[in-house]
């Protein structure tokens, strides 16, 4: 079998297996526990299904929980402007993360010991910030709203 990664926007809310079966008007099979935790899931084509809690939570995160995940749909777009926005947003997120890390590095409050020197990480941040400036200039030229 081949490996796949899925990216899609859905609507969902917690619902037990029993409540989902009641919602659908189905009888719960004898070998299924109606108290199983899960989610009712609505896909963009209005298809509705139920997903066990663990499977759902390993696959999806709520918009806003992980800003990098929130850019995934933009990366998949056929529109180059959306892909550009994803590149820009991801770079900003990563640069801000590195700034936070550098502050903690300087204050000796990092929860780990980096192998890299502060100077090397700071140099990386300088290049990232210059890259951001280039992307902002290009966005003006390409008429891309950021």
C-alpha atoms as a PDB file:
ATOM      1  CA  UNK A   1       0.000   0.000   0.000  1.00  0.00           C
ATOM      2  CA  UNK A   2       1.047   3.594  -0.591  1.00  0.00           C
ATOM      3  CA  UNK A   3       1.258   6.214   2.163  1.00  0.00           C
ATOM      4  CA  UNK A   4      -1.006   9.270   2.097  1.00  0.00           C
ATOM      5  CA  UNK A   5      -1.405  12.493   4.059  1.00  0.00           C
ATOM      6  CA  UNK A   6      -4.784  14.201   4.074  1.00  0.00           C
ATOM      7  CA  UNK A   7      -5.575  17.875   4.448  1.00  0.00           C
ATOM      8  CA  UNK A   8      -9.133  19.135   4.472  1.00  0.00           C
ATOM      9  CA  UNK A   9     -11.371  21.517   6.356  1.00  0.00           C
ATOM     10  CA  UNK A  10     -14.246  19.913   8.237  1.00  0.00           C
ATOM     11  CA  UNK A  11     -16.830  20.793  10.836  1.00  0.00           C
ATOM     12  CA  UNK A  12     -17.037  18.584  13.921  1.00  0.00           C
ATOM     13  CA  UNK A  13     -18.226  18.388  17.470  1.00  0.00           C
ATOM     14  CA  UNK A  14     -17.994  15.776  20.212  1.00  0.00           C
ATOM     15  CA  UNK A  15     -20.654  13.062  20.105  1.00  0.00           C
ATOM     16  CA  UNK A  16     -20.787   9.541  21.520  1.00  0.00           C
ATOM     17  CA  UNK A  17     -21.268   6.553  19.243  1.00  0.00           C
ATOM     18  CA  UNK A  18     -24.716   6.039  20.810  1.00  0.00           C
ATOM     19  CA  UNK A  19     -25.834   9.615  20.196  1.00  0.00           C
ATOM     20  CA  UNK A  20     -24.568   9.409  16.613  1.00  0.00           C
ATOM     21  CA  UNK A  21     -26.579   6.251  16.005  1.00  0.00           C
ATOM     22  CA  UNK A  22     -29.682   7.936  17.490  1.00  0.00           C
ATOM     23  CA  UNK A  23     -29.040  10.969  15.253  1.00  0.00           C
ATOM     24  CA  UNK A  24     -28.943   8.685  12.200  1.00  0.00           C
ATOM     25  CA  UNK A  25     -31.922   6.616  13.362  1.00  0.00           C
ATOM     26  CA  UNK A  26     -29.812   3.455  13.511  1.00  0.00           C
ATOM     27  CA  UNK A  27     -29.784   0.621  16.000  1.00  0.00           C
ATOM     28  CA  UNK A  28     -26.460   0.272  17.793  1.00  0.00           C
ATOM     29  CA  UNK A  29     -24.807  -3.052  16.910  1.00  0.00           C
ATOM     30  CA  UNK A  30     -24.514  -5.402  19.896  1.00  0.00           C
ATOM     31  CA  UNK A  31     -20.716  -5.474  19.628  1.00  0.00           C
ATOM     32  CA  UNK A  32     -20.395  -1.640  19.830  1.00  0.00           C
ATOM     33  CA  UNK A  33     -20.323   0.488  22.979  1.00  0.00           C
ATOM     34  CA  UNK A  34     -22.762   3.422  22.808  1.00  0.00           C
ATOM     35  CA  UNK A  35     -20.608   5.308  25.337  1.00  0.00           C
ATOM     36  CA  UNK A  36     -17.552   5.367  23.007  1.00  0.00           C
ATOM     37  CA  UNK A  37     -16.370   8.959  22.754  1.00  0.00           C
ATOM     38  CA  UNK A  38     -15.976  10.462  19.325  1.00  0.00           C
ATOM     39  CA  UNK A  39     -17.010  13.220  16.975  1.00  0.00           C
ATOM     40  CA  UNK A  40     -19.725  13.801  14.440  1.00  0.00           C
ATOM     41  CA  UNK A  41     -17.940  15.059  11.329  1.00  0.00           C
ATOM     42  CA  UNK A  42     -19.351  17.059   8.419  1.00  0.00           C
ATOM     43  CA  UNK A  43     -17.234  17.267   5.278  1.00  0.00           C
ATOM     44  CA  UNK A  44     -17.357  20.006   2.629  1.00  0.00           C
ATOM     45  CA  UNK A  45     -19.618  17.890   0.387  1.00  0.00           C
ATOM     46  CA  UNK A  46     -22.129  17.652   3.295  1.00  0.00           C
ATOM     47  CA  UNK A  47     -21.223  13.990   3.947  1.00  0.00           C
ATOM     48  CA  UNK A  48     -21.633  13.239   7.664  1.00  0.00           C
ATOM     49  CA  UNK A  49     -19.875  10.488   9.583  1.00  0.00           C
ATOM     50  CA  UNK A  50     -18.712   9.566  13.065  1.00  0.00           C
ATOM     51  CA  UNK A  51     -15.088   9.194  14.110  1.00  0.00           C
ATOM     52  CA  UNK A  52     -13.714   7.642  17.304  1.00  0.00           C
ATOM     53  CA  UNK A  53     -12.100  10.239  19.585  1.00  0.00           C
ATOM     54  CA  UNK A  54      -8.514   8.974  19.310  1.00  0.00           C
ATOM     55  CA  UNK A  55      -8.558   8.667  15.519  1.00  0.00           C
ATOM     56  CA  UNK A  56     -10.129  12.109  15.166  1.00  0.00           C
ATOM     57  CA  UNK A  57      -7.727  13.854  17.538  1.00  0.00           C
ATOM     58  CA  UNK A  58      -4.689  12.233  15.875  1.00  0.00           C
ATOM     59  CA  UNK A  59      -5.881  13.574  12.514  1.00  0.00           C
ATOM     60  CA  UNK A  60      -7.403  16.993  13.169  1.00  0.00           C
ATOM     61  CA  UNK A  61      -6.629  20.086  15.193  1.00  0.00           C
ATOM     62  CA  UNK A  62      -8.963  23.007  15.757  1.00  0.00           C
ATOM     63  CA  UNK A  63      -8.199  26.074  13.652  1.00  0.00           C
ATOM     64  CA  UNK A  64      -6.054  28.367  15.759  1.00  0.00           C
ATOM     65  CA  UNK A  65      -4.472  25.594  17.874  1.00  0.00           C
ATOM     66  CA  UNK A  66      -1.472  25.178  15.600  1.00  0.00           C
ATOM     67  CA  UNK A  67      -0.868  28.134  13.264  1.00  0.00           C
ATOM     68  CA  UNK A  68       1.371  26.099  10.936  1.00  0.00           C
ATOM     69  CA  UNK A  69      -1.417  23.545  10.379  1.00  0.00           C
ATOM     70  CA  UNK A  70      -3.753  26.417   9.582  1.00  0.00           C
ATOM     71  CA  UNK A  71      -1.699  27.182   6.452  1.00  0.00           C
ATOM     72  CA  UNK A  72      -2.005  23.654   5.016  1.00  0.00           C
ATOM     73  CA  UNK A  73      -4.985  24.333   2.763  1.00  0.00           C
ATOM     74  CA  UNK A  74      -3.253  27.392   1.317  1.00  0.00           C
ATOM     75  CA  UNK A  75      -0.256  25.211   0.431  1.00  0.00           C
ATOM     76  CA  UNK A  76      -2.516  22.838  -1.530  1.00  0.00           C
ATOM     77  CA  UNK A  77      -4.227  25.596  -3.500  1.00  0.00           C
ATOM     78  CA  UNK A  78      -3.930  25.831  -7.280  1.00  0.00           C
ATOM     79  CA  UNK A  79      -3.726  29.615  -6.862  1.00  0.00           C
ATOM     80  CA  UNK A  80      -0.113  30.766  -6.576  1.00  0.00           C
ATOM     81  CA  UNK A  81      -1.219  33.683  -4.399  1.00  0.00           C
ATOM     82  CA  UNK A  82      -2.562  31.286  -1.780  1.00  0.00           C
ATOM     83  CA  UNK A  83       0.663  29.256  -1.873  1.00  0.00           C
ATOM     84  CA  UNK A  84       2.626  32.510  -1.556  1.00  0.00           C
ATOM     85  CA  UNK A  85       0.560  33.491   1.491  1.00  0.00           C
ATOM     86  CA  UNK A  86       1.239  30.074   3.046  1.00  0.00           C
ATOM     87  CA  UNK A  87       4.975  30.524   2.521  1.00  0.00           C
ATOM     88  CA  UNK A  88       4.859  33.992   4.060  1.00  0.00           C
ATOM     89  CA  UNK A  89       2.691  33.013   7.044  1.00  0.00           C
ATOM     90  CA  UNK A  90       4.821  29.944   7.771  1.00  0.00           C
ATOM     91  CA  UNK A  91       8.000  31.983   7.651  1.00  0.00           C
ATOM     92  CA  UNK A  92       6.534  34.583  10.034  1.00  0.00           C
ATOM     93  CA  UNK A  93       5.389  31.859  12.439  1.00  0.00           C
ATOM     94  CA  UNK A  94       8.805  30.195  12.397  1.00  0.00           C
ATOM     95  CA  UNK A  95      10.696  33.493  12.749  1.00  0.00           C
ATOM     96  CA  UNK A  96       8.545  34.477  15.722  1.00  0.00           C
ATOM     97  CA  UNK A  97       9.186  31.064  17.268  1.00  0.00           C
ATOM     98  CA  UNK A  98      12.920  31.509  16.805  1.00  0.00           C
ATOM     99  CA  UNK A  99      12.770  35.006  18.368  1.00  0.00           C
ATOM    100  CA  UNK A 100      11.034  33.523  21.400  1.00  0.00           C
ATOM    101  CA  UNK A 101      13.619  30.763  21.585  1.00  0.00           C
ATOM    102  CA  UNK A 102      16.492  33.252  21.392  1.00  0.00           C
ATOM    103  CA  UNK A 103      15.047  35.285  24.282  1.00  0.00           C
ATOM    104  CA  UNK A 104      14.846  32.134  26.384  1.00  0.00           C
ATOM    105  CA  UNK A 105      18.335  31.086  25.256  1.00  0.00           C
ATOM    106  CA  UNK A 106      19.724  34.445  26.400  1.00  0.00           C
ATOM    107  CA  UNK A 107      17.882  34.192  29.743  1.00  0.00           C
ATOM    108  CA  UNK A 108      18.922  30.557  30.318  1.00  0.00           C
ATOM    109  CA  UNK A 109      15.270  29.480  30.471  1.00  0.00           C
ATOM    110  CA  UNK A 110      15.175  27.041  27.538  1.00  0.00           C
ATOM    111  CA  UNK A 111      13.850  23.619  28.537  1.00  0.00           C
ATOM    112  CA  UNK A 112      16.712  22.005  26.562  1.00  0.00           C
ATOM    113  CA  UNK A 113      20.372  22.630  25.742  1.00  0.00           C
ATOM    114  CA  UNK A 114      20.852  23.614  22.074  1.00  0.00           C
ATOM    115  CA  UNK A 115      23.862  22.294  20.171  1.00  0.00           C
ATOM    116  CA  UNK A 116      23.940  25.499  18.112  1.00  0.00           C
ATOM    117  CA  UNK A 117      25.487  28.670  19.399  1.00  0.00           C
ATOM    118  CA  UNK A 118      23.331  31.704  20.047  1.00  0.00           C
ATOM    119  CA  UNK A 119      25.217  33.470  17.279  1.00  0.00           C
ATOM    120  CA  UNK A 120      24.337  30.825  14.675  1.00  0.00           C
ATOM    121  CA  UNK A 121      20.659  30.875  15.641  1.00  0.00           C
ATOM    122  CA  UNK A 122      20.641  34.682  15.593  1.00  0.00           C
ATOM    123  CA  UNK A 123      22.197  34.612  12.097  1.00  0.00           C
ATOM    124  CA  UNK A 124      19.386  32.292  11.010  1.00  0.00           C
ATOM    125  CA  UNK A 125      16.848  34.801  12.355  1.00  0.00           C
ATOM    126  CA  UNK A 126      18.504  37.658  10.442  1.00  0.00           C
ATOM    127  CA  UNK A 127      18.196  35.701   7.189  1.00  0.00           C
ATOM    128  CA  UNK A 128      14.594  34.794   7.971  1.00  0.00           C
ATOM    129  CA  UNK A 129      13.729  38.442   8.617  1.00  0.00           C
ATOM    130  CA  UNK A 130      15.379  39.459   5.339  1.00  0.00           C
ATOM    131  CA  UNK A 131      13.423  36.733   3.560  1.00  0.00           C
ATOM    132  CA  UNK A 132      10.225  38.194   5.084  1.00  0.00           C
ATOM    133  CA  UNK A 133      11.151  41.636   3.715  1.00  0.00           C
ATOM    134  CA  UNK A 134      11.706  40.159   0.239  1.00  0.00           C
ATOM    135  CA  UNK A 135       8.357  38.368   0.353  1.00  0.00           C
ATOM    136  CA  UNK A 136       6.578  41.548   1.468  1.00  0.00           C
ATOM    137  CA  UNK A 137       8.125  43.476  -1.421  1.00  0.00           C
ATOM    138  CA  UNK A 138       7.234  40.728  -3.870  1.00  0.00           C
ATOM    139  CA  UNK A 139       3.651  40.688  -2.530  1.00  0.00           C
ATOM    140  CA  UNK A 140       3.345  44.360  -3.481  1.00  0.00           C
ATOM    141  CA  UNK A 141       4.654  43.654  -6.995  1.00  0.00           C
ATOM    142  CA  UNK A 142       2.407  40.582  -7.431  1.00  0.00           C
ATOM    143  CA  UNK A 143      -0.609  42.383  -5.863  1.00  0.00           C
ATOM    144  CA  UNK A 144      -0.937  39.764  -3.122  1.00  0.00           C
ATOM    145  CA  UNK A 145      -2.714  40.841   0.034  1.00  0.00           C
ATOM    146  CA  UNK A 146      -0.961  39.498   3.134  1.00  0.00           C
END
